[in-house]
Protein backbone atom coordinates (compact mmCIF):
# COMPACT_ATOMS: atom_id res chain seq x y z
CA MET A 1 10.18 -27.02 -13.44
CA SER A 2 11.61 -25.23 -16.26
CA ALA A 3 14.74 -23.15 -16.11
CA ASP A 4 13.03 -20.42 -18.23
CA PHE A 5 9.94 -20.15 -15.84
CA ARG A 6 12.35 -20.01 -12.89
CA SER A 7 14.37 -17.25 -14.18
CA ARG A 8 11.40 -15.11 -15.35
CA VAL A 9 9.76 -15.56 -11.79
CA GLU A 10 13.23 -14.64 -10.14
CA GLY A 11 13.42 -11.51 -12.57
CA GLU A 12 10.32 -10.18 -10.99
CA ARG A 13 11.68 -10.24 -7.40
CA PRO A 14 12.64 -6.35 -7.33
CA TYR A 15 9.23 -5.41 -8.32
CA LEU A 16 7.74 -7.73 -5.87
CA LEU A 17 9.89 -6.53 -3.10
CA ARG A 18 9.31 -2.93 -3.84
CA TYR A 19 5.46 -3.70 -3.76
CA ALA A 20 5.57 -5.61 -0.46
CA SER A 21 7.82 -3.03 1.24
CA LEU A 22 5.37 -0.23 0.42
CA GLN A 23 2.56 -2.46 2.00
CA LEU A 24 4.23 -3.74 5.06
CA ARG A 25 7.05 -1.05 5.92
CA ASP A 26 9.28 -3.80 7.33
CA PRO A 27 12.14 -4.96 4.98
CA HIS A 28 12.60 -8.19 6.70
CA LEU A 29 8.95 -9.10 6.50
CA ALA A 30 8.58 -7.91 2.91
CA GLU A 31 11.53 -10.13 2.04
CA ASP A 32 9.90 -12.89 3.76
CA VAL A 33 6.50 -12.46 1.85
CA VAL A 34 8.29 -12.21 -1.37
CA GLN A 35 10.23 -15.33 -0.69
CA GLU A 36 6.91 -17.06 0.09
CA THR A 37 5.51 -15.66 -2.94
CA LEU A 38 8.38 -16.89 -5.19
CA LEU A 39 8.23 -20.30 -3.57
CA ALA A 40 4.47 -20.54 -4.15
CA ALA A 41 4.86 -19.41 -7.67
CA LEU A 42 7.51 -22.11 -8.48
CA ALA A 43 5.60 -24.92 -6.81
CA GLY A 44 2.45 -23.77 -8.76
CA GLU A 45 3.95 -23.48 -12.18
CA ALA A 46 1.29 -25.81 -13.63
CA GLY A 47 -1.20 -23.46 -12.36
CA PHE A 48 0.06 -20.44 -14.18
CA GLY A 49 -0.53 -21.66 -17.77
CA GLY A 50 0.17 -18.26 -19.24
CA ARG A 51 -3.34 -17.17 -19.06
CA SER A 52 -2.26 -13.71 -17.61
CA ASN A 53 0.83 -11.63 -17.36
CA LEU A 54 3.49 -13.06 -15.07
CA ARG A 55 3.91 -10.07 -13.12
CA THR A 56 0.04 -9.86 -12.56
CA TRP A 57 -0.15 -13.53 -11.54
CA LEU A 58 2.89 -13.05 -8.95
CA THR A 59 1.18 -9.85 -7.68
CA GLY A 60 -1.90 -11.70 -7.05
CA ILE A 61 -0.03 -14.24 -4.97
CA LEU A 62 1.82 -11.64 -3.23
CA LYS A 63 -1.39 -9.72 -2.19
CA HIS A 64 -2.46 -12.85 -0.38
CA LYS A 65 0.86 -13.37 1.38
CA ILE A 66 0.65 -9.65 2.41
CA VAL A 67 -2.85 -10.05 3.87
CA ASP A 68 -1.57 -13.14 5.72
CA ALA A 69 1.40 -11.28 7.04
CA ILE A 70 -1.03 -8.39 8.33
CA ARG A 71 -3.17 -10.82 9.91
CA ARG A 72 -0.13 -12.49 11.79
CA LEU A 73 0.89 -8.99 12.72
CA SER A 74 -2.36 -7.94 14.05
CA ARG A 75 -2.74 -11.04 16.21
CA GLU A 76 0.94 -10.55 17.51
CA THR A 77 1.13 -7.00 18.25
CA THR A 78 -0.89 -4.21 19.81
CA VAL A 79 -0.65 -1.14 17.97
CA ALA A 80 -1.33 2.34 19.50
CA THR A 81 -3.85 4.59 17.67
CA ASP A 82 -2.25 7.22 15.64
CA ALA A 83 -2.14 10.61 17.03
CA ASP A 84 -4.28 13.49 15.40
CA GLU A 85 -1.53 15.12 13.37
CA PHE A 86 -3.65 17.05 11.15
CA GLU A 87 -5.70 19.44 13.44
CA ALA A 88 -3.28 22.26 12.40
CA LEU A 89 -4.46 22.06 8.96
CA PHE A 90 -8.01 23.46 9.81
CA SER A 91 -9.32 26.30 11.92
CA GLU A 92 -11.45 25.99 14.85
CA ARG A 93 -14.54 26.37 12.54
CA GLY A 94 -13.29 23.24 10.38
CA HIS A 95 -12.04 25.25 7.45
CA TRP A 96 -8.72 24.90 5.68
CA VAL A 97 -6.06 27.18 7.30
CA ASP A 98 -4.27 27.10 4.05
CA PRO A 99 -6.32 25.54 1.30
CA PRO A 100 -4.34 23.20 -1.13
CA ALA A 101 -3.84 24.48 -4.66
CA GLY A 102 -5.97 23.13 -7.36
CA TRP A 103 -4.33 20.15 -9.30
CA GLU A 104 -3.52 20.63 -12.99
CA GLU A 105 -4.43 17.47 -15.19
CA PRO A 106 -4.30 14.67 -12.67
CA ASP A 107 -4.81 12.16 -15.16
CA GLY A 108 -1.61 13.10 -17.01
CA SER A 109 0.25 13.17 -13.71
CA LEU A 110 -0.74 9.86 -12.71
CA GLN A 111 1.05 8.46 -15.85
CA GLN A 112 4.38 9.93 -15.01
CA LYS A 113 7.00 7.73 -13.14
CA GLN A 114 8.15 10.55 -11.05
CA PHE A 115 4.65 11.10 -9.69
CA LEU A 116 4.47 7.55 -8.76
CA ARG A 117 7.80 7.89 -6.89
CA ALA A 118 6.63 10.94 -5.13
CA LEU A 119 3.33 9.06 -4.07
CA GLU A 120 5.35 6.12 -2.85
CA GLU A 121 7.72 8.65 -0.74
CA CYS A 122 4.39 10.09 0.67
CA LEU A 123 2.94 6.71 1.56
CA THR A 124 6.11 5.86 3.48
CA ARG A 125 5.69 8.89 5.63
CA LEU A 126 2.18 7.85 6.76
CA PRO A 127 1.72 6.14 10.28
CA VAL A 128 2.07 2.50 9.80
CA LYS A 129 -1.68 1.65 10.65
CA THR A 130 -2.91 4.55 8.49
CA ALA A 131 -0.89 3.38 5.52
CA GLN A 132 -2.08 -0.24 6.02
CA VAL A 133 -5.59 0.72 6.00
CA PHE A 134 -5.22 3.04 2.87
CA MET A 135 -3.45 0.61 0.91
CA MET A 136 -5.82 -2.10 1.82
CA ARG A 137 -8.63 0.01 0.71
CA GLU A 138 -7.41 1.93 -2.21
CA HIS A 139 -4.81 -0.59 -3.73
CA LEU A 140 -5.82 -4.07 -2.84
CA GLY A 141 -9.65 -3.08 -2.96
CA TYR A 142 -10.74 -4.32 0.29
CA GLU A 143 -14.17 -3.15 1.77
CA THR A 144 -14.37 -1.34 5.04
CA PRO A 145 -15.70 -4.44 6.93
CA ASP A 146 -12.92 -6.68 5.52
CA ILE A 147 -10.39 -4.18 6.66
CA CYS A 148 -11.90 -3.79 10.16
CA LYS A 149 -12.03 -7.63 10.61
CA GLU A 150 -8.45 -7.99 9.26
CA LEU A 151 -7.04 -5.21 11.48
CA GLY A 152 -9.34 -5.45 14.45
CA LEU A 153 -10.75 -1.90 13.94
CA THR A 154 -14.28 -0.33 14.18
CA PRO A 155 -15.77 1.08 11.07
CA THR A 156 -15.44 4.57 12.65
CA HIS A 157 -11.71 4.21 13.26
CA CYS A 158 -11.17 2.79 9.80
CA TRP A 159 -12.95 5.93 8.22
CA VAL A 160 -10.96 8.17 10.43
CA LEU A 161 -7.66 6.59 9.19
CA LEU A 162 -8.61 6.74 5.64
CA TYR A 163 -9.56 10.31 6.11
CA ARG A 164 -6.25 11.09 7.68
CA ALA A 165 -4.27 9.11 4.97
CA ARG A 166 -6.00 11.15 2.18
CA LEU A 167 -5.33 14.31 3.95
CA ALA A 168 -1.68 13.63 4.58
CA LEU A 169 -1.12 12.34 1.12
CA ARG A 170 -2.88 15.31 -0.39
CA GLU A 171 -0.62 17.77 1.75
CA CYS A 172 2.61 15.60 0.89
CA LEU A 173 1.91 15.61 -2.71
CA GLN A 174 1.05 19.33 -2.68
CA LEU A 175 4.45 20.08 -1.16
CA ASN A 176 6.45 17.43 -3.16
CA TRP A 177 4.88 17.14 -6.49
CA PHE A 178 2.29 19.91 -7.36
CA SER A 179 4.17 22.92 -6.01
CA LYS A 180 7.11 22.11 -8.12
């Protein structure tokens, strides 16, 4: 193993830890999956070959380690269903009580680091199961049947959690980003 490769891999630790922490919401578990990722990367140095960006390669390994950790957690613990926190956003007829304001230039906002920090903060405020489903769908690219299989959910429950996540994220971003 080359010392240069090892130092480059270890240099990505803070990024990987932040990524894993967002996904798992447990600093100890995040540290464990990052450690597993770094060990796998160091053991598989020959498999890297420089065909992609090092961070991209490490993130790919980390995604698999995160999914494995979520599988272990779903087998080990029973998670209560999320309470419906969002009923107050709608009238009895199903209309917005206070409609969110329109978003100006969302493509430009996505480019800004401050927006990404605000989004990360909003994600940490979601209930754990809701955040897991949202991140698996929107960030890791899993399809609904795969999410349901991994987390032991029905498709209807998965869709409800995705809907709740989107509502909560929109409200949080409206308050913490777009209204500034």
